[in-house]
């Protein structure tokens, strides 16, 4: 499964802390998701980041 960070991102960093293998911060201080499929090992943490996002900026792509 792939993830996508939409325009709602406020750059809080919760997702990068929760799942650093999938989410990173850009130079614009907003999160970005990896372009590749999330590994089975990272899937639980990626879902936790999606569910914990305070502005619902993370979606399944």
PDB file of N, CA and C in Angstrom:
ATOM      1  N   UNK A   1       0.838  -1.168   0.000  1.00  0.00           N
ATOM      2  CA  UNK A   1       0.000   0.000   0.000  1.00  0.00           C
ATOM      3  C   UNK A   1       0.891   1.242   0.000  1.00  0.00           C
ATOM      4  N   UNK A   2       0.405   2.300  -0.630  1.00  0.00           N
ATOM      5  CA  UNK A   2       1.125   3.571  -0.656  1.00  0.00           C
ATOM      6  C   UNK A   2       0.358   4.603   0.153  1.00  0.00           C
ATOM      7  N   UNK A   3       1.085   5.584   0.630  1.00  0.00           N
ATOM      8  CA  UNK A   3       0.500   6.679   1.390  1.00  0.00           C
ATOM      9  C   UNK A   3       0.797   7.987   0.685  1.00  0.00           C
ATOM     10  N   UNK A   4      -0.027   8.990   0.988  1.00  0.00           N
ATOM     11  CA  UNK A   4       0.084  10.294   0.376  1.00  0.00           C
ATOM     12  C   UNK A   4      -0.195  11.336   1.452  1.00  0.00           C
ATOM     13  N   UNK A   5       0.580  12.416   1.452  1.00  0.00           N
ATOM     14  CA  UNK A   5       0.335  13.523   2.377  1.00  0.00           C
ATOM     15  C   UNK A   5      -0.302  14.646   1.573  1.00  0.00           C
ATOM     16  N   UNK A   6      -1.505  15.045   1.966  1.00  0.00           N
ATOM     17  CA  UNK A   6      -2.223  16.075   1.211  1.00  0.00           C
ATOM     18  C   UNK A   6      -1.888  17.482   1.707  1.00  0.00           C
ATOM     19  N   UNK A   7      -2.564  18.470   1.124  1.00  0.00           N
ATOM     20  CA  UNK A   7      -2.284  19.884   1.392  1.00  0.00           C
ATOM     21  C   UNK A   7      -2.680  20.334   2.800  1.00  0.00           C
ATOM     22  N   UNK A   8      -3.338  19.478   3.564  1.00  0.00           N
ATOM     23  CA  UNK A   8      -3.715  19.828   4.935  1.00  0.00           C
ATOM     24  C   UNK A   8      -2.535  19.813   5.902  1.00  0.00           C
ATOM     25  N   UNK A   9      -1.407  19.244   5.481  1.00  0.00           N
ATOM     26  CA  UNK A   9      -0.263  19.070   6.375  1.00  0.00           C
ATOM     27  C   UNK A   9       0.175  20.407   6.988  1.00  0.00           C
ATOM     28  N   UNK A  10       0.366  20.389   8.317  1.00  0.00           N
ATOM     29  CA  UNK A  10       0.829  21.573   9.040  1.00  0.00           C
ATOM     30  C   UNK A  10       2.278  21.417   9.507  1.00  0.00           C
ATOM     31  N   UNK A  11       2.908  20.313   9.142  1.00  0.00           N
ATOM     32  CA  UNK A  11       4.312  20.107   9.472  1.00  0.00           C
ATOM     33  C   UNK A  11       4.591  19.816  10.934  1.00  0.00           C
ATOM     34  N   UNK A  12       3.657  19.172  11.615  1.00  0.00           N
ATOM     35  CA  UNK A  12       3.840  18.895  13.046  1.00  0.00           C
ATOM     36  C   UNK A  12       4.919  17.848  13.307  1.00  0.00           C
ATOM     37  N   UNK A  13       5.172  16.980  12.329  1.00  0.00           N
ATOM     38  CA  UNK A  13       6.214  15.967  12.467  1.00  0.00           C
ATOM     39  C   UNK A  13       5.788  14.676  13.131  1.00  0.00           C
ATOM     40  N   UNK A  14       4.518  14.565  13.505  1.00  0.00           N
ATOM     41  CA  UNK A  14       4.058  13.347  14.167  1.00  0.00           C
ATOM     42  C   UNK A  14       4.307  12.114  13.302  1.00  0.00           C
ATOM     43  N   UNK A  15       4.001  12.205  12.018  1.00  0.00           N
ATOM     44  CA  UNK A  15       4.161  11.039  11.142  1.00  0.00           C
ATOM     45  C   UNK A  15       5.625  10.645  10.977  1.00  0.00           C
ATOM     46  N   UNK A  16       6.519  11.627  10.912  1.00  0.00           N
ATOM     47  CA  UNK A  16       7.938  11.310  10.744  1.00  0.00           C
ATOM     48  C   UNK A  16       8.519  10.676  11.999  1.00  0.00           C
ATOM     49  N   UNK A  17       7.961  11.020  13.139  1.00  0.00           N
ATOM     50  CA  UNK A  17       8.384  10.403  14.394  1.00  0.00           C
ATOM     51  C   UNK A  17       7.817   9.002  14.524  1.00  0.00           C
ATOM     52  N   UNK A  18       6.563   8.839  14.110  1.00  0.00           N
ATOM     53  CA  UNK A  18       5.877   7.552  14.224  1.00  0.00           C
ATOM     54  C   UNK A  18       6.387   6.533  13.220  1.00  0.00           C
ATOM     55  N   UNK A  19       6.643   6.982  11.997  1.00  0.00           N
ATOM     56  CA  UNK A  19       7.047   6.057  10.930  1.00  0.00           C
ATOM     57  C   UNK A  19       8.093   6.711  10.013  1.00  0.00           C
ATOM     58  N   UNK A  20       9.324   6.859  10.488  1.00  0.00           N
ATOM     59  CA  UNK A  20      10.356   7.537   9.703  1.00  0.00           C
ATOM     60  C   UNK A  20      10.776   6.804   8.430  1.00  0.00           C
ATOM     61  N   UNK A  21      10.445   5.512   8.319  1.00  0.00           N
ATOM     62  CA  UNK A  21      10.777   4.790   7.095  1.00  0.00           C
ATOM     63  C   UNK A  21       9.845   5.145   5.943  1.00  0.00           C
ATOM     64  N   UNK A  22       8.710   5.766   6.240  1.00  0.00           N
ATOM     65  CA  UNK A  22       7.731   6.120   5.216  1.00  0.00           C
ATOM     66  C   UNK A  22       7.609   7.640   5.048  1.00  0.00           C
ATOM     67  N   UNK A  23       7.657   8.379   6.156  1.00  0.00           N
ATOM     68  CA  UNK A  23       7.413   9.816   6.105  1.00  0.00           C
ATOM     69  C   UNK A  23       8.670  10.619   6.426  1.00  0.00           C
ATOM     70  N   UNK A  24       8.893  11.677   5.656  1.00  0.00           N
ATOM     71  CA  UNK A  24      10.003  12.597   5.875  1.00  0.00           C
ATOM     72  C   UNK A  24       9.480  14.020   5.780  1.00  0.00           C
ATOM     73  N   UNK A  25      10.280  14.959   6.256  1.00  0.00           N
ATOM     74  CA  UNK A  25       9.924  16.371   6.135  1.00  0.00           C
ATOM     75  C   UNK A  25      10.640  16.963   4.928  1.00  0.00           C
ATOM     76  N   UNK A  26       9.952  17.838   4.221  1.00  0.00           N
ATOM     77  CA  UNK A  26      10.532  18.506   3.054  1.00  0.00           C
ATOM     78  C   UNK A  26      11.206  19.808   3.481  1.00  0.00           C
ATOM     79  N   UNK A  27      11.867  20.464   2.544  1.00  0.00           N
ATOM     80  CA  UNK A  27      12.474  21.767   2.811  1.00  0.00           C
ATOM     81  C   UNK A  27      11.419  22.822   3.122  1.00  0.00           C
ATOM     82  N   UNK A  28      10.177  22.559   2.720  1.00  0.00           N
ATOM     83  CA  UNK A  28       9.066  23.477   2.987  1.00  0.00           C
ATOM     84  C   UNK A  28       8.417  23.207   4.346  1.00  0.00           C
ATOM     85  N   UNK A  29       9.024  22.310   5.125  1.00  0.00           N
ATOM     86  CA  UNK A  29       8.536  21.940   6.461  1.00  0.00           C
ATOM     87  C   UNK A  29       7.141  21.333   6.461  1.00  0.00           C
ATOM     88  N   UNK A  30       6.866  20.520   5.470  1.00  0.00           N
ATOM     89  CA  UNK A  30       5.668  19.694   5.452  1.00  0.00           C
ATOM     90  C   UNK A  30       6.120  18.253   5.224  1.00  0.00           C
ATOM     91  N   UNK A  31       5.258  17.326   5.590  1.00  0.00           N
ATOM     92  CA  UNK A  31       5.610  15.917   5.455  1.00  0.00           C
ATOM     93  C   UNK A  31       5.431  15.442   4.022  1.00  0.00           C
ATOM     94  N   UNK A  32       6.158  14.389   3.707  1.00  0.00           N
ATOM     95  CA  UNK A  32       6.075  13.741   2.403  1.00  0.00           C
ATOM     96  C   UNK A  32       6.151  12.249   2.659  1.00  0.00           C
ATOM     97  N   UNK A  33       5.357  11.497   1.911  1.00  0.00           N
ATOM     98  CA  UNK A  33       5.386  10.035   2.025  1.00  0.00           C
ATOM     99  C   UNK A  33       6.269   9.447   0.939  1.00  0.00           C
ATOM    100  N   UNK A  34       6.843   8.322   1.218  1.00  0.00           N
ATOM    101  CA  UNK A  34       7.657   7.603   0.246  1.00  0.00           C
ATOM    102  C   UNK A  34       6.836   7.272  -0.993  1.00  0.00           C
ATOM    103  N   UNK A  35       7.478   7.299  -2.154  1.00  0.00           N
ATOM    104  CA  UNK A  35       6.803   6.977  -3.410  1.00  0.00           C
ATOM    105  C   UNK A  35       6.589   5.478  -3.594  1.00  0.00           C
ATOM    106  N   UNK A  36       7.289   4.680  -2.824  1.00  0.00           N
ATOM    107  CA  UNK A  36       7.182   3.233  -2.998  1.00  0.00           C
ATOM    108  C   UNK A  36       6.148   2.637  -2.045  1.00  0.00           C
ATOM    109  N   UNK A  37       5.784   1.403  -2.327  1.00  0.00           N
ATOM    110  CA  UNK A  37       4.853   0.693  -1.449  1.00  0.00           C
ATOM    111  C   UNK A  37       5.472   0.531  -0.066  1.00  0.00           C
ATOM    112  N   UNK A  38       4.639   0.615   0.933  1.00  0.00           N
ATOM    113  CA  UNK A  38       5.088   0.445   2.315  1.00  0.00           C
ATOM    114  C   UNK A  38       5.292  -1.042   2.577  1.00  0.00           C
ATOM    115  N   UNK A  39       6.411  -1.358   3.191  1.00  0.00           N
ATOM    116  CA  UNK A  39       6.697  -2.767   3.494  1.00  0.00           C
ATOM    117  C   UNK A  39       5.741  -3.275   4.564  1.00  0.00           C
ATOM    118  N   UNK A  40       5.515  -4.570   4.593  1.00  0.00           N
ATOM    119  CA  UNK A  40       4.649  -5.142   5.624  1.00  0.00           C
ATOM    120  C   UNK A  40       5.129  -4.810   7.039  1.00  0.00           C
ATOM    121  N   UNK A  41       6.433  -4.692   7.219  1.00  0.00           N
ATOM    122  CA  UNK A  41       6.975  -4.372   8.535  1.00  0.00           C
ATOM    123  C   UNK A  41       6.632  -2.949   8.963  1.00  0.00           C
ATOM    124  N   UNK A  42       6.541  -2.023   7.993  1.00  0.00           N
ATOM    125  CA  UNK A  42       6.261  -0.618   8.303  1.00  0.00           C
ATOM    126  C   UNK A  42       4.771  -0.278   8.277  1.00  0.00           C
ATOM    127  N   UNK A  43       3.958  -1.186   7.797  1.00  0.00           N
ATOM    128  CA  UNK A  43       2.523  -0.914   7.657  1.00  0.00           C
ATOM    129  C   UNK A  43       1.843  -0.520   8.976  1.00  0.00           C
ATOM    130  N   UNK A  44       2.080  -1.223  10.092  1.00  0.00           N
ATOM    131  CA  UNK A  44       1.419  -0.814  11.339  1.00  0.00           C
ATOM    132  C   UNK A  44       1.779   0.614  11.766  1.00  0.00           C
ATOM    133  N   UNK A  45       3.030   0.987  11.647  1.00  0.00           N
ATOM    134  CA  UNK A  45       3.451   2.336  12.035  1.00  0.00           C
ATOM    135  C   UNK A  45       2.893   3.380  11.074  1.00  0.00           C
ATOM    136  N   UNK A  46       2.817   3.058   9.791  1.00  0.00           N
ATOM    137  CA  UNK A  46       2.244   3.986   8.820  1.00  0.00           C
ATOM    138  C   UNK A  46       0.763   4.209   9.102  1.00  0.00           C
ATOM    139  N   UNK A  47       0.053   3.161   9.446  1.00  0.00           N
ATOM    140  CA  UNK A  47      -1.368   3.289   9.797  1.00  0.00           C
ATOM    141  C   UNK A  47      -1.537   4.099  11.080  1.00  0.00           C
ATOM    142  N   UNK A  48      -0.636   3.899  12.033  1.00  0.00           N
ATOM    143  CA  UNK A  48      -0.683   4.684  13.274  1.00  0.00           C
ATOM    144  C   UNK A  48      -0.483   6.168  12.959  1.00  0.00           C
ATOM    145  N   UNK A  49       0.434   6.480  12.045  1.00  0.00           N
ATOM    146  CA  UNK A  49       0.657   7.869  11.643  1.00  0.00           C
ATOM    147  C   UNK A  49      -0.591   8.437  10.974  1.00  0.00           C
ATOM    148  N   UNK A  50      -1.215   7.670  10.097  1.00  0.00           N
ATOM    149  CA  UNK A  50      -2.441   8.111   9.427  1.00  0.00           C
ATOM    150  C   UNK A  50      -3.526   8.405  10.453  1.00  0.00           C
ATOM    151  N   UNK A  51      -3.727   7.502  11.374  1.00  0.00           N
ATOM    152  CA  UNK A  51      -4.783   7.665  12.375  1.00  0.00           C
ATOM    153  C   UNK A  51      -4.482   8.786  13.366  1.00  0.00           C
ATOM    154  N   UNK A  52      -3.200   9.046  13.613  1.00  0.00           N
ATOM    155  CA  UNK A  52      -2.824  10.061  14.583  1.00  0.00           C
ATOM    156  C   UNK A  52      -2.672  11.463  14.028  1.00  0.00           C
ATOM    157  N   UNK A  53      -2.693  11.600  12.724  1.00  0.00           N
ATOM    158  CA  UNK A  53      -2.497  12.920  12.124  1.00  0.00           C
ATOM    159  C   UNK A  53      -3.594  13.884  12.602  1.00  0.00           C
ATOM    160  N   UNK A  54      -3.204  15.007  13.200  1.00  0.00           N
ATOM    161  CA  UNK A  54      -4.199  15.912  13.772  1.00  0.00           C
ATOM    162  C   UNK A  54      -5.045  16.671  12.750  1.00  0.00           C
ATOM    163  N   UNK A  55      -4.608  16.678  11.488  1.00  0.00           N
ATOM    164  CA  UNK A  55      -5.356  17.425  10.459  1.00  0.00           C
ATOM    165  C   UNK A  55      -5.782  16.535   9.292  1.00  0.00           C
ATOM    166  N   UNK A  56      -5.735  15.224   9.497  1.00  0.00           N
ATOM    167  CA  UNK A  56      -6.147  14.257   8.458  1.00  0.00           C
ATOM    168  C   UNK A  56      -5.444  14.507   7.130  1.00  0.00           C
ATOM    169  N   UNK A  57      -4.132  14.748   7.202  1.00  0.00           N
ATOM    170  CA  UNK A  57      -3.361  15.029   5.993  1.00  0.00           C
ATOM    171  C   UNK A  57      -2.828  13.777   5.308  1.00  0.00           C
ATOM    172  N   UNK A  58      -2.925  12.617   5.957  1.00  0.00           N
ATOM    173  CA  UNK A  58      -2.380  11.382   5.394  1.00  0.00           C
ATOM    174  C   UNK A  58      -3.517  10.546   4.841  1.00  0.00           C
ATOM    175  N   UNK A  59      -3.311  10.071   3.617  1.00  0.00           N
ATOM    176  CA  UNK A  59      -4.308   9.256   2.934  1.00  0.00           C
ATOM    177  C   UNK A  59      -3.617   8.035   2.340  1.00  0.00           C
ATOM    178  N   UNK A  60      -4.422   7.026   2.037  1.00  0.00           N
ATOM    179  CA  UNK A  60      -3.920   5.905   1.233  1.00  0.00           C
ATOM    180  C   UNK A  60      -3.934   6.363  -0.224  1.00  0.00           C
ATOM    181  N   UNK A  61      -2.854   6.102  -0.902  1.00  0.00           N
ATOM    182  CA  UNK A  61      -2.780   6.496  -2.316  1.00  0.00           C
ATOM    183  C   UNK A  61      -3.172   5.340  -3.201  1.00  0.00           C
TER     184      UNK A  61
END
